[in-house]
């Protein structure tokens, strides 16, 4: 049961995001239950505000490329990984919940391997979260990731790609290399995911696969990996 009445229900840019304010934690959990297993709308909850997000085709295309890019790296370099997709990560005491476009367990892969449910009271957060941004800011989602202590967030919008790495003070700072994949720079990732779709997407994927196979092992050797 929703225990408070929202003070505003306002559409954001292009009606892809609706903000619902004045919702307590019980109301948020109720909304999650009402949505059930459906993938939309994505829900981001922060300090009593609930953001209901639907995504466009360009958004999904970008998110899929970012997710496939990560998977090609972990498979090609034999890095243990549990892809967690749009899993809902939430903590009542942090007053936040979020569902990323793509999330991955890397360093903590062994701690969640084989699990059917993630409970942040006992389980770690994902090591990497990805936010593809088209018509709404990622500010609320990034704040929730910060509170949940997600080590790294990739934010990709129409103009730039950023890698945010959690610092010792608990806040994110933009980084010149990935923490999960220190051999990757933001510009390089950005160049791959923004390549024009002049060939079938399967051809783009094969190009990424060849690049991972032919280029990245040498980088790892140089870095002592």
Foldseek 3Di string as FASTA:
>chain_A
DWPFAFPDFDAFPPSFKTKTAQTAPVRVVVVPVVCPPDPAQWWKWADRMIIGGDDDPVLLLLLVQLVLLVVLLCVLVVFQKDKPAQDWDDDNVLRIIGGARTFMATVQNVVCPPPPDDDLVPGAGTQEGEHEDEGDDCVRVQSRCLSSVRQWYWYHYPPFIWIWGQDPVSGTDTDQAHPRQRLDGRVVSVCLSPDDPPDPVVVSSVVSNVCSNPPVVVSCVVVVD
